[in-house]
Structures are given as C-alpha cells and as structure tokens.
Amino acid sequence: MKSLTDQLAQYASYHRDQRNVWTHFVGIPMIVLSVATLLSRWSVLSLPIGSAGMELTVAALVSAVMAVFYLRLDLRYGLVMSGLLALACTEGSSLAQGSVLHWLAWGLGLFLVGWIIQFLGHYFEGRKPAFVDDLIGLAIGPLFVVAELGFLLGWRPEVHQAVISRAGALR
C-alpha cells in the first residue's frame, strides 16, 4: 500500500492550479454528501435496539470501509476523515428520509453539481482528473481536501513539504 505522502503527492500532481484546488473544497464535499444520501435508503442490517431500533445502511458500511482505509494511511488524517464520514452519513440519512423525489433530488442534485464544479476546476487546471488514470483518486480526493485545508492552517508541515517537493508548488 502506498504511503500517505505517496497518495497525496500523486493526487496533488493533477491539482496544482489554485482555482482547481478551491473548486475541490466545494465539489468534493458535495459529492461525498450525495453518495451518503443516495446510499442511506438501503439497510444492510436492522438491530432491535431500544424502541426505534438501529439500522446499518450501505452508506455507513461504505464509510466504515473508507475510514479503515484512511486510518491505515495515517492515524491523524484517518480520525478526521472518520468524523467527516460519520457527519456525511448523518446528514445524508436526514436527506434520505423524505419522499423518493426529495431523496433523489438532493442525492442526484448534489452529485451532479459537485461534478460540474470538479470539471470546472480541471478546465482551469488544463488536465484531466486523477481518477481517470487511477481509480484510487476517487478515494483520495476527500483526503486531499482535508489535507489541503490542514496545510492552509499550518497542520502537518512535514507532509505538506513532501507533497510540494514531489508534485510542485501551487500556481
């Protein structure tokens, strides 16, 4: 398995235009929330806990698998990503509770608008998205957004410098 720095540097090499990075701050959270919303209507397991019970949704299961992936890459980023995925599942579940039309409008609407914003960023970049060459880019995208935000706040400067040395500075 590639290291955190390897994954971030490879993804970052497709994202060196500042405008592209900023579109990712908006588009990727929208896509993550849309996937959580769309996958929240299906239960994998229902547990009779308390008066209401508890359901394990496909969204929660996918988020748990992704959380393990992120935790294996890096404990600190993995904990942040786990919290954000839990938040996306909670919000996605709320959006999925309405009618089928409400659920699909939010899920597909967020998905479509999020991807439009992503492709706008790659228009600025002049380069195709990373996932076109390696599907793992779909999993690294949300981590990249968290890492870039952390870098802006001065978090993990050693990782930031390693990514810049491999992918180059933002322009």
C-alpha atoms as a PDB file:
ATOM      1  CA  MET A   1       0.000   0.000   0.000  1.00  0.00           C
ATOM      2  CA  LYS A   2       1.287   3.450  -0.899  1.00  0.00           C
ATOM      3  CA  SER A   3       2.076   5.847   1.928  1.00  0.00           C
ATOM      4  CA  LEU A   4       0.058   8.939   2.787  1.00  0.00           C
ATOM      5  CA  THR A   5       2.667  11.138   1.108  1.00  0.00           C
ATOM      6  CA  ASP A   6       2.705   8.939  -1.999  1.00  0.00           C
ATOM      7  CA  GLN A   7      -1.082   9.109  -2.322  1.00  0.00           C
ATOM      8  CA  LEU A   8      -1.343  12.844  -1.681  1.00  0.00           C
ATOM      9  CA  ALA A   9       1.585  13.701  -3.972  1.00  0.00           C
ATOM     10  CA  GLN A  10       0.213  11.632  -6.837  1.00  0.00           C
ATOM     11  CA  TYR A  11      -3.226  13.232  -6.466  1.00  0.00           C
ATOM     12  CA  ALA A  12      -1.724  16.702  -5.986  1.00  0.00           C
ATOM     13  CA  SER A  13       0.200  16.393  -9.251  1.00  0.00           C
ATOM     14  CA  TYR A  14      -3.177  16.689 -11.007  1.00  0.00           C
ATOM     15  CA  HIS A  15      -4.134  19.702  -8.867  1.00  0.00           C
ATOM     16  CA  ARG A  16      -1.521  22.459  -8.995  1.00  0.00           C
ATOM     17  CA  ASP A  17      -3.773  25.327 -10.119  1.00  0.00           C
ATOM     18  CA  GLN A  18      -5.113  27.143  -7.058  1.00  0.00           C
ATOM     19  CA  ARG A  19      -8.525  27.591  -8.704  1.00  0.00           C
ATOM     20  CA  ASN A  20      -8.796  23.838  -9.185  1.00  0.00           C
ATOM     21  CA  VAL A  21      -7.966  23.215  -5.531  1.00  0.00           C
ATOM     22  CA  TRP A  22     -10.630  25.743  -4.462  1.00  0.00           C
ATOM     23  CA  THR A  23     -13.272  24.057  -6.636  1.00  0.00           C
ATOM     24  CA  HIS A  24     -12.392  20.797  -4.886  1.00  0.00           C
ATOM     25  CA  PHE A  25     -13.129  22.411  -1.496  1.00  0.00           C
ATOM     26  CA  VAL A  26     -16.719  22.810  -2.708  1.00  0.00           C
ATOM     27  CA  GLY A  27     -17.272  19.978  -5.176  1.00  0.00           C
ATOM     28  CA  ILE A  28     -15.822  17.030  -3.273  1.00  0.00           C
ATOM     29  CA  PRO A  29     -17.839  17.571  -0.062  1.00  0.00           C
ATOM     30  CA  MET A  30     -20.954  17.852  -2.231  1.00  0.00           C
ATOM     31  CA  ILE A  31     -20.130  14.536  -3.929  1.00  0.00           C
ATOM     32  CA  VAL A  32     -19.381  12.790  -0.618  1.00  0.00           C
ATOM     33  CA  LEU A  33     -22.672  14.043   0.850  1.00  0.00           C
ATOM     34  CA  SER A  34     -24.537  12.983  -2.294  1.00  0.00           C
ATOM     35  CA  VAL A  35     -23.151   9.441  -2.126  1.00  0.00           C
ATOM     36  CA  ALA A  36     -24.016   9.227   1.579  1.00  0.00           C
ATOM     37  CA  THR A  37     -27.525  10.462   0.782  1.00  0.00           C
ATOM     38  CA  LEU A  38     -28.053   8.049  -2.102  1.00  0.00           C
ATOM     39  CA  LEU A  39     -26.743   5.054  -0.108  1.00  0.00           C
ATOM     40  CA  SER A  40     -28.674   5.877   3.080  1.00  0.00           C
ATOM     41  CA  ARG A  41     -32.001   4.439   1.902  1.00  0.00           C
ATOM     42  CA  TRP A  42     -30.755   0.852   1.871  1.00  0.00           C
ATOM     43  CA  SER A  43     -30.206  -1.137   5.051  1.00  0.00           C
ATOM     44  CA  VAL A  44     -27.772  -3.977   5.352  1.00  0.00           C
ATOM     45  CA  LEU A  45     -28.799  -4.945   8.877  1.00  0.00           C
ATOM     46  CA  SER A  46     -31.524  -3.937  11.320  1.00  0.00           C
ATOM     47  CA  LEU A  47     -30.872  -4.297  15.029  1.00  0.00           C
ATOM     48  CA  PRO A  48     -33.718  -4.168  17.563  1.00  0.00           C
ATOM     49  CA  ILE A  49     -32.065  -1.722  19.982  1.00  0.00           C
ATOM     50  CA  GLY A  50     -34.354   0.443  22.088  1.00  0.00           C
ATOM     51  CA  SER A  51     -37.795   1.455  20.938  1.00  0.00           C
ATOM     52  CA  ALA A  52     -36.772   2.616  17.458  1.00  0.00           C
ATOM     53  CA  GLY A  53     -34.070   0.090  16.619  1.00  0.00           C
ATOM     54  CA  MET A  54     -30.918   0.771  14.692  1.00  0.00           C
ATOM     55  CA  GLU A  55     -30.096   0.211  11.053  1.00  0.00           C
ATOM     56  CA  LEU A  56     -26.769  -0.303   9.364  1.00  0.00           C
ATOM     57  CA  THR A  57     -27.082   1.381   5.986  1.00  0.00           C
ATOM     58  CA  VAL A  58     -24.991   0.852   2.888  1.00  0.00           C
ATOM     59  CA  ALA A  59     -23.737   4.422   3.405  1.00  0.00           C
ATOM     60  CA  ALA A  60     -22.490   3.551   6.902  1.00  0.00           C
ATOM     61  CA  LEU A  61     -20.873   0.343   5.674  1.00  0.00           C
ATOM     62  CA  VAL A  62     -19.058   2.091   2.792  1.00  0.00           C
ATOM     63  CA  SER A  63     -17.998   4.884   5.174  1.00  0.00           C
ATOM     64  CA  ALA A  64     -16.619   2.348   7.643  1.00  0.00           C
ATOM     65  CA  VAL A  65     -14.556   0.682   4.908  1.00  0.00           C
ATOM     66  CA  MET A  66     -13.256   4.067   3.791  1.00  0.00           C
ATOM     67  CA  ALA A  67     -12.486   5.050   7.388  1.00  0.00           C
ATOM     68  CA  VAL A  68     -10.327   1.926   7.767  1.00  0.00           C
ATOM     69  CA  PHE A  69      -8.510   2.825   4.542  1.00  0.00           C
ATOM     70  CA  TYR A  70      -7.815   6.365   5.775  1.00  0.00           C
ATOM     71  CA  LEU A  71      -6.778   5.166   9.243  1.00  0.00           C
ATOM     72  CA  ARG A  72      -4.299   2.739   7.688  1.00  0.00           C
ATOM     73  CA  LEU A  73      -2.792   5.611   5.676  1.00  0.00           C
ATOM     74  CA  ASP A  74      -2.449   7.943   8.659  1.00  0.00           C
ATOM     75  CA  LEU A  75      -3.978   7.943  12.133  1.00  0.00           C
ATOM     76  CA  ARG A  76      -4.488  11.712  12.417  1.00  0.00           C
ATOM     77  CA  TYR A  77      -5.978  12.194   8.963  1.00  0.00           C
ATOM     78  CA  GLY A  78      -7.886   8.942   9.403  1.00  0.00           C
ATOM     79  CA  LEU A  79      -9.574  10.215  12.553  1.00  0.00           C
ATOM     80  CA  VAL A  80     -10.563  13.470  10.853  1.00  0.00           C
ATOM     81  CA  MET A  81     -11.870  11.591   7.813  1.00  0.00           C
ATOM     82  CA  SER A  82     -13.789   9.151  10.030  1.00  0.00           C
ATOM     83  CA  GLY A  83     -15.524  12.044  11.772  1.00  0.00           C
ATOM     84  CA  LEU A  84     -16.346  13.735   8.480  1.00  0.00           C
ATOM     85  CA  LEU A  85     -17.698  10.498   7.005  1.00  0.00           C
ATOM     86  CA  ALA A  86     -19.878   9.999  10.092  1.00  0.00           C
ATOM     87  CA  LEU A  87     -21.168  13.547   9.658  1.00  0.00           C
ATOM     88  CA  ALA A  88     -21.875  12.893   5.959  1.00  0.00           C
ATOM     89  CA  CYS A  89     -23.773   9.713   6.873  1.00  0.00           C
ATOM     90  CA  THR A  90     -25.831  11.574   9.476  1.00  0.00           C
ATOM     91  CA  GLU A  91     -26.697  14.409   7.093  1.00  0.00           C
ATOM     92  CA  GLY A  92     -27.199  12.009   4.180  1.00  0.00           C
ATOM     93  CA  SER A  93     -29.581   9.935   6.268  1.00  0.00           C
ATOM     94  CA  SER A  94     -31.589  13.068   7.066  1.00  0.00           C
ATOM     95  CA  LEU A  95     -31.806  13.978   3.393  1.00  0.00           C
ATOM     96  CA  ALA A  96     -32.823  10.409   2.529  1.00  0.00           C
ATOM     97  CA  GLN A  97     -35.764  10.378   4.972  1.00  0.00           C
ATOM     98  CA  GLY A  98     -38.184  12.311   2.791  1.00  0.00           C
ATOM     99  CA  SER A  99     -40.086  11.153  -0.243  1.00  0.00           C
ATOM    100  CA  VAL A 100     -38.330   9.371  -3.075  1.00  0.00           C
ATOM    101  CA  LEU A 101     -38.417  12.607  -5.067  1.00  0.00           C
ATOM    102  CA  HIS A 102     -36.847  14.552  -2.166  1.00  0.00           C
ATOM    103  CA  TRP A 103     -34.162  11.882  -1.681  1.00  0.00           C
ATOM    104  CA  LEU A 104     -33.271  11.708  -5.386  1.00  0.00           C
ATOM    105  CA  ALA A 105     -33.388  15.478  -5.869  1.00  0.00           C
ATOM    106  CA  TRP A 106     -30.864  16.007  -3.065  1.00  0.00           C
ATOM    107  CA  GLY A 107     -28.726  12.968  -3.853  1.00  0.00           C
ATOM    108  CA  LEU A 108     -28.536  13.387  -7.610  1.00  0.00           C
ATOM    109  CA  GLY A 109     -28.567  17.195  -7.452  1.00  0.00           C
ATOM    110  CA  LEU A 110     -25.570  17.344  -5.122  1.00  0.00           C
ATOM    111  CA  PHE A 111     -23.804  14.696  -7.200  1.00  0.00           C
ATOM    112  CA  LEU A 112     -24.340  16.492 -10.494  1.00  0.00           C
ATOM    113  CA  VAL A 113     -23.481  19.982  -9.238  1.00  0.00           C
ATOM    114  CA  GLY A 114     -20.444  18.640  -7.351  1.00  0.00           C
ATOM    115  CA  TRP A 115     -19.060  17.019 -10.502  1.00  0.00           C
ATOM    116  CA  ILE A 116     -19.756  20.115 -12.611  1.00  0.00           C
ATOM    117  CA  ILE A 117     -17.709  22.129 -10.113  1.00  0.00           C
ATOM    118  CA  GLN A 118     -14.943  19.485 -10.249  1.00  0.00           C
ATOM    119  CA  PHE A 119     -14.749  19.572 -14.026  1.00  0.00           C
ATOM    120  CA  LEU A 120     -14.721  23.368 -13.997  1.00  0.00           C
ATOM    121  CA  GLY A 121     -11.650  23.166 -11.775  1.00  0.00           C
ATOM    122  CA  HIS A 122      -9.979  20.749 -14.160  1.00  0.00           C
ATOM    123  CA  TYR A 123     -10.754  23.123 -17.008  1.00  0.00           C
ATOM    124  CA  PHE A 124      -8.683  25.717 -15.121  1.00  0.00           C
ATOM    125  CA  GLU A 125      -6.027  23.100 -14.479  1.00  0.00           C
ATOM    126  CA  GLY A 126      -5.891  22.048 -18.119  1.00  0.00           C
ATOM    127  CA  ARG A 127      -5.553  18.449 -17.022  1.00  0.00           C
ATOM    128  CA  LYS A 128      -7.896  15.504 -16.608  1.00  0.00           C
ATOM    129  CA  PRO A 129      -8.979  14.384 -13.121  1.00  0.00           C
ATOM    130  CA  ALA A 130      -6.659  11.979 -11.288  1.00  0.00           C
ATOM    131  CA  PHE A 131      -9.240   9.173 -11.140  1.00  0.00           C
ATOM    132  CA  VAL A 132      -9.137   8.854 -14.947  1.00  0.00           C
ATOM    133  CA  ASP A 133      -5.641   7.360 -14.646  1.00  0.00           C
ATOM    134  CA  ASP A 134      -6.109   5.635 -11.270  1.00  0.00           C
ATOM    135  CA  LEU A 135      -9.486   4.920  -9.657  1.00  0.00           C
ATOM    136  CA  ILE A 136      -7.961   5.282  -6.181  1.00  0.00           C
ATOM    137  CA  GLY A 137      -8.170   9.017  -6.900  1.00  0.00           C
ATOM    138  CA  LEU A 138     -11.883   8.773  -6.072  1.00  0.00           C
ATOM    139  CA  ALA A 139     -10.939   7.759  -2.517  1.00  0.00           C
ATOM    140  CA  ILE A 140      -8.001  10.153  -2.203  1.00  0.00           C
ATOM    141  CA  GLY A 141      -9.989  13.227  -3.320  1.00  0.00           C
ATOM    142  CA  PRO A 142     -11.765  13.763   0.020  1.00  0.00           C
ATOM    143  CA  LEU A 143      -8.500  13.198   1.897  1.00  0.00           C
ATOM    144  CA  PHE A 144      -6.769  15.698  -0.398  1.00  0.00           C
ATOM    145  CA  VAL A 145      -9.345  18.357   0.507  1.00  0.00           C
ATOM    146  CA  VAL A 146      -8.827  17.729   4.226  1.00  0.00           C
ATOM    147  CA  ALA A 147      -5.048  17.726   3.808  1.00  0.00           C
ATOM    148  CA  GLU A 148      -5.056  20.957   1.757  1.00  0.00           C
ATOM    149  CA  LEU A 149      -7.246  22.658   4.343  1.00  0.00           C
ATOM    150  CA  GLY A 150      -4.881  21.428   7.033  1.00  0.00           C
ATOM    151  CA  PHE A 151      -1.898  22.740   5.093  1.00  0.00           C
ATOM    152  CA  LEU A 152      -3.551  26.171   4.875  1.00  0.00           C
ATOM    153  CA  LEU A 153      -3.930  26.078   8.669  1.00  0.00           C
ATOM    154  CA  GLY A 154      -0.303  25.033   9.182  1.00  0.00           C
ATOM    155  CA  TRP A 155      -1.114  21.446  10.124  1.00  0.00           C
ATOM    156  CA  ARG A 156       1.386  18.698   9.203  1.00  0.00           C
ATOM    157  CA  PRO A 157       4.037  20.925   7.554  1.00  0.00           C
ATOM    158  CA  GLU A 158       6.299  17.910   7.009  1.00  0.00           C
ATOM    159  CA  VAL A 159       3.629  16.231   4.864  1.00  0.00           C
ATOM    160  CA  HIS A 160       2.955  19.495   3.051  1.00  0.00           C
ATOM    161  CA  GLN A 161       6.632  19.949   2.182  1.00  0.00           C
ATOM    162  CA  ALA A 162       6.911  16.339   0.999  1.00  0.00           C
ATOM    163  CA  VAL A 163       3.873  16.772  -1.265  1.00  0.00           C
ATOM    164  CA  ILE A 164       5.223  20.058  -2.686  1.00  0.00           C
ATOM    165  CA  SER A 165       8.647  18.504  -3.314  1.00  0.00           C
ATOM    166  CA  ARG A 166       7.035  15.717  -5.359  1.00  0.00           C
ATOM    167  CA  ALA A 167       4.110  17.496  -7.046  1.00  0.00           C
ATOM    168  CA  GLY A 168       5.386  21.075  -7.237  1.00  0.00           C
ATOM    169  CA  ALA A 169       4.022  24.292  -5.767  1.00  0.00           C
ATOM    170  CA  LEU A 170       0.559  25.642  -6.438  1.00  0.00           C
ATOM    171  CA  ARG A 171       0.301  28.245  -9.136  1.00  0.00           C
END
